[in-house]
Amino acid sequence: MEEKQENSPDGVKYFRLSEIEQQNTFKSTWIIINNHVYDVTKFLEEHPGGEEVLREQAGGDATESFEDVGHSTDAREMAKDMVIGELHPDDRAKIAKPEETAVTTLKDETSWWSTLLVPGLSAAIVTLLYRVYTTDSE
């Protein structure tokens, strides 16, 4: 079953996720960044990070990787020339979003052993080591 490419009323080409996922070959390499679809096939050999970096992301969402690298303004301008359309709005929820990681504690209260015992033992050990080394030198 071949999916029909859709255009928005304002002329934006929409691509379905399944169509983008198929563009993961040496002849055609597409990636998604911030819901924009990029054809990076001709850029593979020129990419400063090497073509394997783009190939790892081919056919999928490269937003997190692209943003994590901290691309320059020039790189972002170059990327604009490679935009061929946008991810279809119905498929945007299908892209795996990175899970939010949060540090959680079992209780909101701080425990006595971490606020008193650990620093107290550390101080006692440092004091003991200081006394051992100073008495040996006398």
Protein backbone atom coordinates (compact mmCIF):
# COMPACT_ATOMS: atom_id res chain seq x y z
CA MET A 1 0.00 0.00 0.00
CA GLU A 2 1.57 3.24 -1.08
CA GLU A 3 0.71 6.33 0.88
CA LYS A 4 -0.22 9.47 -0.93
CA GLN A 5 1.89 12.52 -0.18
CA GLU A 6 -0.24 15.35 1.11
CA ASN A 7 0.14 19.08 0.79
CA SER A 8 -1.21 21.56 3.27
CA PRO A 9 -3.40 24.43 2.10
CA ASP A 10 -0.34 26.70 2.32
CA GLY A 11 1.72 24.40 0.06
CA VAL A 12 3.81 22.56 2.68
CA LYS A 13 4.61 18.99 1.63
CA TYR A 14 3.74 16.48 4.31
CA PHE A 15 5.43 13.11 4.55
CA ARG A 16 4.14 10.16 6.55
CA LEU A 17 6.50 8.59 9.08
CA SER A 18 6.39 5.24 7.27
CA GLU A 19 7.57 6.94 4.08
CA ILE A 20 10.44 8.67 5.89
CA GLU A 21 11.50 5.43 7.59
CA GLN A 22 11.96 3.87 4.14
CA GLN A 23 14.45 6.61 3.18
CA ASN A 24 17.36 4.93 4.91
CA THR A 25 19.54 3.84 2.02
CA PHE A 26 22.69 4.96 0.21
CA LYS A 27 20.50 6.36 -2.56
CA SER A 28 18.15 8.29 -0.28
CA THR A 29 18.73 9.41 3.29
CA TRP A 30 16.08 11.47 5.07
CA ILE A 31 15.97 12.63 8.68
CA ILE A 32 13.48 14.53 10.82
CA ILE A 33 14.52 17.54 12.90
CA ASN A 34 11.84 19.49 14.76
CA ASN A 35 9.13 17.95 12.52
CA HIS A 36 10.89 19.15 9.35
CA VAL A 37 11.96 16.49 6.87
CA TYR A 38 15.47 16.84 5.45
CA ASP A 39 16.97 15.01 2.49
CA VAL A 40 20.63 14.76 3.51
CA THR A 41 21.66 12.30 0.80
CA LYS A 42 23.91 14.72 -1.08
CA PHE A 43 25.37 16.05 2.19
CA LEU A 44 26.53 12.70 3.60
CA GLU A 45 30.11 12.95 2.38
CA GLU A 46 30.41 16.61 3.35
CA HIS A 47 29.12 16.28 6.92
CA PRO A 48 31.92 17.35 9.29
CA GLY A 49 31.01 14.62 11.78
CA GLY A 50 31.14 11.94 9.10
CA GLU A 51 28.37 10.30 7.15
CA GLU A 52 27.84 7.56 9.74
CA VAL A 53 26.46 10.17 12.14
CA LEU A 54 23.69 10.97 9.66
CA ARG A 55 23.16 7.34 8.70
CA GLU A 56 22.51 6.43 12.35
CA GLN A 57 19.61 8.88 12.33
CA ALA A 58 18.36 8.08 8.82
CA GLY A 59 14.65 7.46 8.52
CA GLY A 60 13.93 8.78 11.97
CA ASP A 61 13.88 11.70 14.35
CA ALA A 62 17.31 13.32 14.74
CA THR A 63 16.11 16.34 16.74
CA GLU A 64 17.75 15.42 20.04
CA SER A 65 21.07 14.49 18.43
CA PHE A 66 21.07 17.65 16.30
CA GLU A 67 20.36 19.91 19.28
CA ASP A 68 22.78 18.12 21.63
CA VAL A 69 25.70 18.75 19.28
CA GLY A 70 25.06 22.49 19.33
CA HIS A 71 25.20 23.19 15.61
CA SER A 72 26.37 26.63 14.53
CA THR A 73 24.22 29.26 12.88
CA ASP A 74 25.95 28.45 9.58
CA ALA A 75 25.04 24.77 9.94
CA ARG A 76 21.42 25.68 10.62
CA GLU A 77 21.38 27.91 7.55
CA MET A 78 22.82 25.10 5.41
CA ALA A 79 20.18 22.73 6.75
CA LYS A 80 17.41 25.01 5.48
CA ASP A 81 18.45 24.16 1.92
CA MET A 82 17.85 20.47 2.60
CA VAL A 83 14.25 20.76 3.87
CA ILE A 84 11.88 18.88 1.60
CA GLY A 85 8.75 19.06 3.75
CA GLU A 86 7.31 18.34 7.16
CA LEU A 87 6.29 15.31 9.12
CA HIS A 88 2.55 14.77 8.76
CA PRO A 89 0.72 16.19 11.81
CA ASP A 90 -0.97 12.83 12.45
CA ASP A 91 2.44 11.14 12.80
CA ARG A 92 4.10 13.65 15.11
CA ALA A 93 2.86 11.89 18.23
CA LYS A 94 4.40 8.63 16.96
CA ILE A 95 7.93 9.95 17.24
CA ALA A 96 9.52 8.59 20.38
CA LYS A 97 10.14 11.51 22.68
CA PRO A 98 13.07 11.19 25.05
CA GLU A 99 11.87 10.25 28.48
CA GLU A 100 12.10 12.98 31.03
CA THR A 101 14.55 12.02 33.72
CA ALA A 102 14.05 13.40 37.14
CA VAL A 103 15.83 12.77 40.37
CA THR A 104 13.37 11.61 42.96
CA THR A 105 13.80 10.91 46.63
CA LEU A 106 11.87 8.54 48.79
CA LYS A 107 10.94 11.32 51.20
CA ASP A 108 11.00 15.06 51.01
CA GLU A 109 12.77 15.09 54.38
CA THR A 110 16.53 14.69 54.44
CA SER A 111 17.68 11.72 56.47
CA TRP A 112 19.80 12.19 59.59
CA TRP A 113 22.51 9.82 58.46
CA SER A 114 23.24 11.71 55.26
CA THR A 115 23.25 15.14 56.89
CA LEU A 116 25.01 14.24 60.15
CA LEU A 117 26.59 10.82 60.10
CA VAL A 118 28.43 10.95 56.78
CA PRO A 119 30.00 14.39 57.34
CA GLY A 120 30.73 13.50 60.98
CA LEU A 121 32.51 10.28 60.05
CA SER A 122 34.42 12.10 57.32
CA ALA A 123 35.60 14.71 59.81
CA ALA A 124 36.62 12.03 62.32
CA ILE A 125 38.64 10.15 59.71
CA VAL A 126 40.40 13.33 58.54
CA THR A 127 41.19 14.25 62.17
CA LEU A 128 42.54 10.76 62.88
CA LEU A 129 44.72 10.80 59.77
CA TYR A 130 46.01 14.26 60.67
CA ARG A 131 47.00 13.12 64.15
CA VAL A 132 48.68 9.95 62.85
CA TYR A 133 50.80 11.89 60.35
CA THR A 134 51.70 14.72 62.75
CA THR A 135 52.77 12.41 65.58
CA ASP A 136 55.02 10.37 63.24
CA SER A 137 56.90 13.49 62.18
CA GLU A 138 57.75 14.54 65.78
